[in-house]
Amino acid sequence: MSQRCDVCGKGPMSGNNVSHSKRHTRRRFMPNLQSVHILRAGRLVKAKVCTRCVRTQAKAAR
């Protein structure tokens, strides 16, 4: 299953774990995805959405 936001397309990014001794090992930063119901084309649809898009949707609804 892909870790991708259904609204903005945000996906995993890569970077480094850096220990106290400054040793670098590769890691992945995963997006914070939530299963929510969003309004799309006039219908409620269940989608996996990142929390940034959930906030944006909530702001637009106000």
N, C-alpha and C. Protein backbone atom coordinates (compact mmCIF):
# COMPACT_ATOMS: atom_id res chain seq x y z
N MET A 1 0.84 -1.17 0.00
CA MET A 1 0.00 0.00 0.00
C MET A 1 0.89 1.24 0.00
N SER A 2 0.64 2.15 -0.91
CA SER A 2 1.48 3.34 -1.00
C SER A 2 1.10 4.34 0.09
N GLN A 3 2.10 4.97 0.65
CA GLN A 3 1.88 6.00 1.66
C GLN A 3 1.84 7.34 0.94
N ARG A 4 0.72 7.66 0.31
CA ARG A 4 0.58 8.87 -0.47
C ARG A 4 -0.74 9.55 -0.15
N CYS A 5 -0.71 10.87 0.01
CA CYS A 5 -1.92 11.63 0.30
C CYS A 5 -2.79 11.69 -0.96
N ASP A 6 -4.09 11.44 -0.79
CA ASP A 6 -5.01 11.46 -1.93
C ASP A 6 -5.33 12.87 -2.41
N VAL A 7 -5.03 13.89 -1.63
CA VAL A 7 -5.34 15.26 -2.02
C VAL A 7 -4.12 15.95 -2.65
N CYS A 8 -3.01 15.99 -1.93
CA CYS A 8 -1.85 16.74 -2.43
C CYS A 8 -0.77 15.86 -3.03
N GLY A 9 -0.83 14.54 -2.81
CA GLY A 9 0.17 13.64 -3.38
C GLY A 9 1.46 13.54 -2.58
N LYS A 10 1.44 14.09 -1.36
CA LYS A 10 2.64 14.01 -0.52
C LYS A 10 2.97 12.55 -0.22
N GLY A 11 4.26 12.19 -0.32
CA GLY A 11 4.69 10.83 -0.08
C GLY A 11 5.90 10.80 0.83
N PRO A 12 6.51 9.61 0.99
CA PRO A 12 7.68 9.50 1.85
C PRO A 12 8.86 10.29 1.31
N MET A 13 9.65 10.84 2.23
CA MET A 13 10.88 11.53 1.86
C MET A 13 12.02 10.81 2.56
N SER A 14 13.23 11.00 2.06
CA SER A 14 14.37 10.31 2.65
C SER A 14 15.29 11.31 3.32
N GLY A 15 16.06 10.79 4.26
CA GLY A 15 17.00 11.61 5.00
C GLY A 15 17.94 10.73 5.79
N ASN A 16 18.51 11.28 6.84
CA ASN A 16 19.48 10.55 7.65
C ASN A 16 19.07 10.52 9.11
N ASN A 17 19.29 9.37 9.76
CA ASN A 17 19.33 9.33 11.21
C ASN A 17 20.73 9.79 11.58
N VAL A 18 20.85 10.69 12.55
CA VAL A 18 22.16 11.15 12.98
C VAL A 18 22.29 10.85 14.46
N SER A 19 23.21 9.97 14.79
CA SER A 19 23.40 9.56 16.18
C SER A 19 24.24 10.59 16.93
N HIS A 20 24.42 10.35 18.21
CA HIS A 20 25.21 11.26 19.04
C HIS A 20 26.65 11.34 18.54
N SER A 21 27.14 10.24 17.96
CA SER A 21 28.51 10.23 17.43
C SER A 21 28.57 10.77 16.00
N LYS A 22 27.46 11.34 15.53
CA LYS A 22 27.33 11.96 14.20
C LYS A 22 27.42 10.94 13.06
N ARG A 23 27.11 9.68 13.34
CA ARG A 23 27.08 8.66 12.29
C ARG A 23 25.76 8.78 11.54
N HIS A 24 25.83 8.80 10.21
CA HIS A 24 24.64 8.98 9.38
C HIS A 24 24.19 7.64 8.79
N THR A 25 22.92 7.29 9.01
CA THR A 25 22.32 6.12 8.38
C THR A 25 21.02 6.57 7.73
N ARG A 26 20.68 5.97 6.61
CA ARG A 26 19.51 6.41 5.85
C ARG A 26 18.21 6.03 6.55
N ARG A 27 17.19 6.87 6.38
CA ARG A 27 15.88 6.62 6.96
C ARG A 27 14.82 7.24 6.05
N ARG A 28 13.55 6.94 6.33
CA ARG A 28 12.44 7.52 5.57
C ARG A 28 11.56 8.33 6.50
N PHE A 29 11.15 9.50 6.04
CA PHE A 29 10.18 10.32 6.75
C PHE A 29 8.83 10.07 6.11
N MET A 30 7.91 9.44 6.85
CA MET A 30 6.60 9.10 6.31
C MET A 30 5.61 10.23 6.60
N PRO A 31 4.69 10.49 5.66
CA PRO A 31 3.66 11.50 5.91
C PRO A 31 2.67 11.01 6.95
N ASN A 32 2.08 11.92 7.69
CA ASN A 32 1.11 11.58 8.73
C ASN A 32 -0.26 11.46 8.06
N LEU A 33 -0.62 10.25 7.63
CA LEU A 33 -1.87 10.02 6.91
C LEU A 33 -2.97 9.57 7.86
N GLN A 34 -4.17 10.11 7.62
CA GLN A 34 -5.35 9.75 8.40
C GLN A 34 -6.45 9.35 7.42
N SER A 35 -7.27 8.37 7.80
CA SER A 35 -8.43 8.01 7.00
C SER A 35 -9.59 8.91 7.41
N VAL A 36 -10.05 9.74 6.49
CA VAL A 36 -11.12 10.69 6.78
C VAL A 36 -12.11 10.69 5.62
N HIS A 37 -13.29 11.23 5.89
CA HIS A 37 -14.28 11.44 4.84
C HIS A 37 -14.14 12.88 4.37
N ILE A 38 -13.90 13.05 3.06
CA ILE A 38 -13.78 14.39 2.50
C ILE A 38 -14.83 14.59 1.43
N LEU A 39 -15.16 15.84 1.18
CA LEU A 39 -16.15 16.19 0.17
C LEU A 39 -15.46 16.30 -1.18
N ARG A 40 -15.83 15.44 -2.11
CA ARG A 40 -15.23 15.45 -3.44
C ARG A 40 -16.33 15.31 -4.48
N ALA A 41 -16.45 16.28 -5.35
CA ALA A 41 -17.48 16.30 -6.40
C ALA A 41 -18.88 16.19 -5.81
N GLY A 42 -19.09 16.85 -4.65
CA GLY A 42 -20.41 16.86 -4.03
C GLY A 42 -20.77 15.62 -3.24
N ARG A 43 -19.84 14.67 -3.11
CA ARG A 43 -20.10 13.44 -2.36
C ARG A 43 -19.03 13.26 -1.29
N LEU A 44 -19.41 12.59 -0.19
CA LEU A 44 -18.44 12.25 0.84
C LEU A 44 -17.71 10.99 0.42
N VAL A 45 -16.39 11.06 0.41
CA VAL A 45 -15.55 9.94 -0.02
C VAL A 45 -14.53 9.67 1.07
N LYS A 46 -14.30 8.40 1.39
CA LYS A 46 -13.28 8.03 2.37
C LYS A 46 -11.93 8.04 1.67
N ALA A 47 -10.96 8.74 2.25
CA ALA A 47 -9.65 8.88 1.63
C ALA A 47 -8.57 8.93 2.68
N LYS A 48 -7.35 8.59 2.27
CA LYS A 48 -6.18 8.74 3.14
C LYS A 48 -5.57 10.10 2.84
N VAL A 49 -5.61 10.98 3.86
CA VAL A 49 -5.22 12.37 3.67
C VAL A 49 -4.20 12.75 4.72
N CYS A 50 -3.21 13.56 4.34
CA CYS A 50 -2.23 14.02 5.32
C CYS A 50 -2.87 15.06 6.22
N THR A 51 -2.35 15.22 7.40
CA THR A 51 -2.95 16.11 8.39
C THR A 51 -2.92 17.56 7.95
N ARG A 52 -1.97 17.95 7.13
CA ARG A 52 -1.93 19.32 6.62
C ARG A 52 -3.15 19.58 5.74
N CYS A 53 -3.53 18.60 4.91
CA CYS A 53 -4.71 18.75 4.05
C CYS A 53 -6.00 18.71 4.87
N VAL A 54 -6.02 17.94 5.96
CA VAL A 54 -7.19 17.91 6.84
C VAL A 54 -7.41 19.30 7.43
N ARG A 55 -6.34 19.94 7.87
CA ARG A 55 -6.43 21.29 8.43
C ARG A 55 -6.90 22.28 7.38
N THR A 56 -6.37 22.17 6.16
CA THR A 56 -6.74 23.08 5.10
C THR A 56 -8.22 22.93 4.77
N GLN A 57 -8.72 21.69 4.71
CA GLN A 57 -10.13 21.43 4.44
C GLN A 57 -11.00 22.04 5.54
N ALA A 58 -10.56 21.91 6.80
CA ALA A 58 -11.32 22.45 7.91
C ALA A 58 -11.36 23.98 7.86
N LYS A 59 -10.26 24.60 7.44
CA LYS A 59 -10.21 26.06 7.33
C LYS A 59 -11.12 26.55 6.21
N ALA A 60 -11.18 25.81 5.11
CA ALA A 60 -12.01 26.19 3.98
C ALA A 60 -13.49 26.05 4.32
N ALA A 61 -13.83 25.13 5.22
CA ALA A 61 -15.23 24.90 5.60
C ALA A 61 -15.76 26.02 6.49
N ARG A 62 -14.85 26.78 7.15
CA ARG A 62 -15.29 27.86 8.03
C ARG A 62 -15.78 29.05 7.28
